[in-house]
């Protein structure tokens, strides 16, 4: 039987993490859509994350070199980012939107688990023993890799390191 207090704590944590995730993109005004749950996030990704939201996300990075994140995590070249940056009427395609959303989701979860965004970003660019000595940011290139990173963060959050 599930402990009701733990369930409330987990739901509260997920809600605040979701708000932090949306804020990394500059909030609902920049995203041009209300995004308060996973269905709305799905719709946003299908329609394309606005270029300005990607730019806001990149400006929030403290440790990660954006050029390291573009190809591996966002699925685009730095040149493509520059084109998006110069034309805020553009949106990312569905693949880029999905990968960018997942990067921000993992960053938000890592921030929650590790205590600060600075520590989360440092963790994302260092090899992790629990991920076969691979850098979490490199694993974000695929859905399977992203799932591995998410599961690893959940284990860290619950104190299970192996």
Protein backbone atom coordinates (compact mmCIF):
# COMPACT_ATOMS: atom_id res chain seq x y z
CA UNK A 1 0.00 0.00 0.00
CA UNK A 2 1.29 3.45 -0.93
CA UNK A 3 2.03 5.91 1.85
CA UNK A 4 -0.38 8.86 1.27
CA UNK A 5 2.13 11.39 2.63
CA UNK A 6 4.80 10.19 0.19
CA UNK A 7 2.28 10.34 -2.67
CA UNK A 8 1.36 13.95 -1.79
CA UNK A 9 5.06 14.90 -1.53
CA UNK A 10 5.81 13.30 -4.92
CA UNK A 11 2.82 15.04 -6.58
CA UNK A 12 3.84 18.38 -5.09
CA UNK A 13 7.43 17.91 -6.25
CA UNK A 14 6.30 17.03 -9.77
CA UNK A 15 4.05 20.13 -9.88
CA UNK A 16 6.81 22.51 -8.81
CA UNK A 17 9.32 20.80 -11.14
CA UNK A 18 6.87 21.28 -14.02
CA UNK A 19 6.58 25.00 -13.23
CA UNK A 20 10.38 25.28 -13.12
CA UNK A 21 10.57 23.49 -16.45
CA UNK A 22 8.14 25.93 -18.08
CA UNK A 23 10.05 28.85 -16.53
CA UNK A 24 13.31 27.66 -18.15
CA UNK A 25 11.61 28.45 -21.47
CA UNK A 26 10.53 31.90 -20.32
CA UNK A 27 7.07 30.89 -19.08
CA UNK A 28 3.70 30.61 -20.83
CA UNK A 29 3.96 34.03 -22.48
CA UNK A 30 7.13 33.06 -24.36
CA UNK A 31 5.82 29.57 -25.11
CA UNK A 32 2.63 31.17 -26.52
CA UNK A 33 0.57 28.34 -25.02
CA UNK A 34 -0.55 27.49 -21.51
CA UNK A 35 1.57 24.55 -20.39
CA UNK A 36 0.53 23.21 -17.01
CA UNK A 37 0.40 19.47 -17.67
CA UNK A 38 1.83 16.75 -19.91
CA UNK A 39 -1.03 16.94 -22.45
CA UNK A 40 -0.41 20.66 -22.97
CA UNK A 41 3.33 19.94 -23.23
CA UNK A 42 2.59 17.31 -25.88
CA UNK A 43 0.53 19.82 -27.87
CA UNK A 44 3.27 22.45 -27.56
CA UNK A 45 5.87 19.98 -28.85
CA UNK A 46 3.65 19.02 -31.79
CA UNK A 47 3.14 22.69 -32.72
CA UNK A 48 6.82 23.48 -32.15
CA UNK A 49 8.59 25.26 -29.33
CA UNK A 50 9.07 28.92 -30.30
CA UNK A 51 12.60 30.03 -31.17
CA UNK A 52 12.52 32.64 -28.42
CA UNK A 53 11.81 29.90 -25.85
CA UNK A 54 14.89 27.99 -27.00
CA UNK A 55 16.93 31.18 -26.70
CA UNK A 56 15.62 31.70 -23.14
CA UNK A 57 16.56 28.12 -22.23
CA UNK A 58 20.09 28.59 -23.56
CA UNK A 59 20.52 31.84 -21.59
CA UNK A 60 19.57 29.97 -18.39
CA UNK A 61 22.48 27.53 -18.77
CA UNK A 62 25.14 28.18 -16.14
CA UNK A 63 27.79 25.52 -16.79
CA UNK A 64 26.90 23.61 -19.93
CA UNK A 65 28.46 25.07 -23.05
CA UNK A 66 25.52 25.55 -25.42
CA UNK A 67 27.55 24.20 -28.34
CA UNK A 68 27.82 20.93 -26.38
CA UNK A 69 24.05 20.84 -25.95
CA UNK A 70 22.93 21.77 -29.47
CA UNK A 71 23.86 18.63 -31.35
CA UNK A 72 23.63 16.11 -28.52
CA UNK A 73 20.59 17.29 -26.62
CA UNK A 74 18.63 19.57 -28.97
CA UNK A 75 19.31 17.76 -32.23
CA UNK A 76 20.45 20.84 -34.12
CA UNK A 77 23.65 22.53 -35.14
CA UNK A 78 24.81 25.80 -33.65
CA UNK A 79 24.17 27.39 -37.05
CA UNK A 80 20.54 26.25 -36.95
CA UNK A 81 20.26 27.79 -33.48
CA UNK A 82 21.65 31.07 -34.84
CA UNK A 83 18.97 31.06 -37.55
CA UNK A 84 16.28 30.50 -34.91
CA UNK A 85 17.80 33.24 -32.75
CA UNK A 86 17.67 35.75 -35.61
CA UNK A 87 14.01 34.96 -36.46
CA UNK A 88 11.73 34.62 -33.44
CA UNK A 89 8.74 33.90 -35.67
CA UNK A 90 10.19 30.42 -36.28
CA UNK A 91 9.44 27.31 -34.24
CA UNK A 92 11.48 24.18 -33.72
CA UNK A 93 10.37 21.10 -35.61
CA UNK A 94 8.72 18.30 -33.65
CA UNK A 95 11.96 16.32 -33.19
CA UNK A 96 13.92 19.36 -32.01
CA UNK A 97 11.04 20.43 -29.76
CA UNK A 98 10.81 16.99 -28.20
CA UNK A 99 14.55 16.74 -27.58
CA UNK A 100 14.73 20.29 -26.24
CA UNK A 101 11.77 19.66 -23.90
CA UNK A 102 13.40 16.44 -22.66
CA UNK A 103 16.70 18.24 -22.04
CA UNK A 104 14.89 20.87 -19.95
CA UNK A 105 12.89 18.16 -18.14
CA UNK A 106 16.07 16.26 -17.22
CA UNK A 107 17.82 19.48 -16.17
CA UNK A 108 14.85 20.39 -13.95
CA UNK A 109 14.77 16.92 -12.35
CA UNK A 110 18.54 16.92 -11.82
CA UNK A 111 18.29 20.38 -10.23
CA UNK A 112 15.64 19.08 -7.84
CA UNK A 113 17.65 15.95 -6.97
CA UNK A 114 21.08 17.61 -6.69
CA UNK A 115 19.98 20.85 -5.06
CA UNK A 116 21.02 23.49 -7.58
CA UNK A 117 21.07 24.06 -11.31
CA UNK A 118 24.83 24.58 -11.16
CA UNK A 119 25.32 21.10 -9.64
CA UNK A 120 22.80 19.59 -12.06
CA UNK A 121 24.63 20.95 -15.09
CA UNK A 122 28.00 19.79 -13.76
CA UNK A 123 26.49 16.32 -13.26
CA UNK A 124 25.08 16.30 -16.80
CA UNK A 125 28.50 16.84 -18.41
CA UNK A 126 30.51 14.41 -16.25
CA UNK A 127 30.63 10.63 -16.78
CA UNK A 128 28.29 8.88 -14.33
CA UNK A 129 29.17 5.46 -12.93
CA UNK A 130 25.50 4.48 -12.83
CA UNK A 131 25.24 5.22 -16.55
CA UNK A 132 28.17 3.02 -17.59
CA UNK A 133 30.53 6.01 -17.29
CA UNK A 134 28.65 7.94 -19.96
CA UNK A 135 27.81 11.62 -19.70
CA UNK A 136 24.08 12.12 -19.13
CA UNK A 137 23.98 14.89 -21.77
CA UNK A 138 25.29 12.45 -24.40
CA UNK A 139 22.53 9.95 -23.62
CA UNK A 140 19.86 12.58 -24.33
CA UNK A 141 20.37 12.03 -28.08
CA UNK A 142 17.89 9.11 -27.99
CA UNK A 143 14.61 8.32 -26.28
CA UNK A 144 16.16 5.20 -24.72
CA UNK A 145 19.10 7.19 -23.38
CA UNK A 146 16.81 9.89 -21.99
CA UNK A 147 14.80 7.20 -20.21
CA UNK A 148 18.01 5.79 -18.69
CA UNK A 149 18.98 9.23 -17.37
CA UNK A 150 15.47 9.81 -15.99
CA UNK A 151 15.47 6.42 -14.22
CA UNK A 152 18.95 7.07 -12.81
CA UNK A 153 17.81 10.43 -11.42
CA UNK A 154 14.79 8.77 -9.81
CA UNK A 155 17.09 6.21 -8.16
CA UNK A 156 19.33 9.03 -6.89
CA UNK A 157 16.27 10.85 -5.58
CA UNK A 158 15.23 7.79 -3.58
CA UNK A 159 18.77 7.03 -2.40
CA UNK A 160 19.30 3.93 -4.58
CA UNK A 161 22.68 4.40 -6.25
CA UNK A 162 23.31 1.05 -7.96
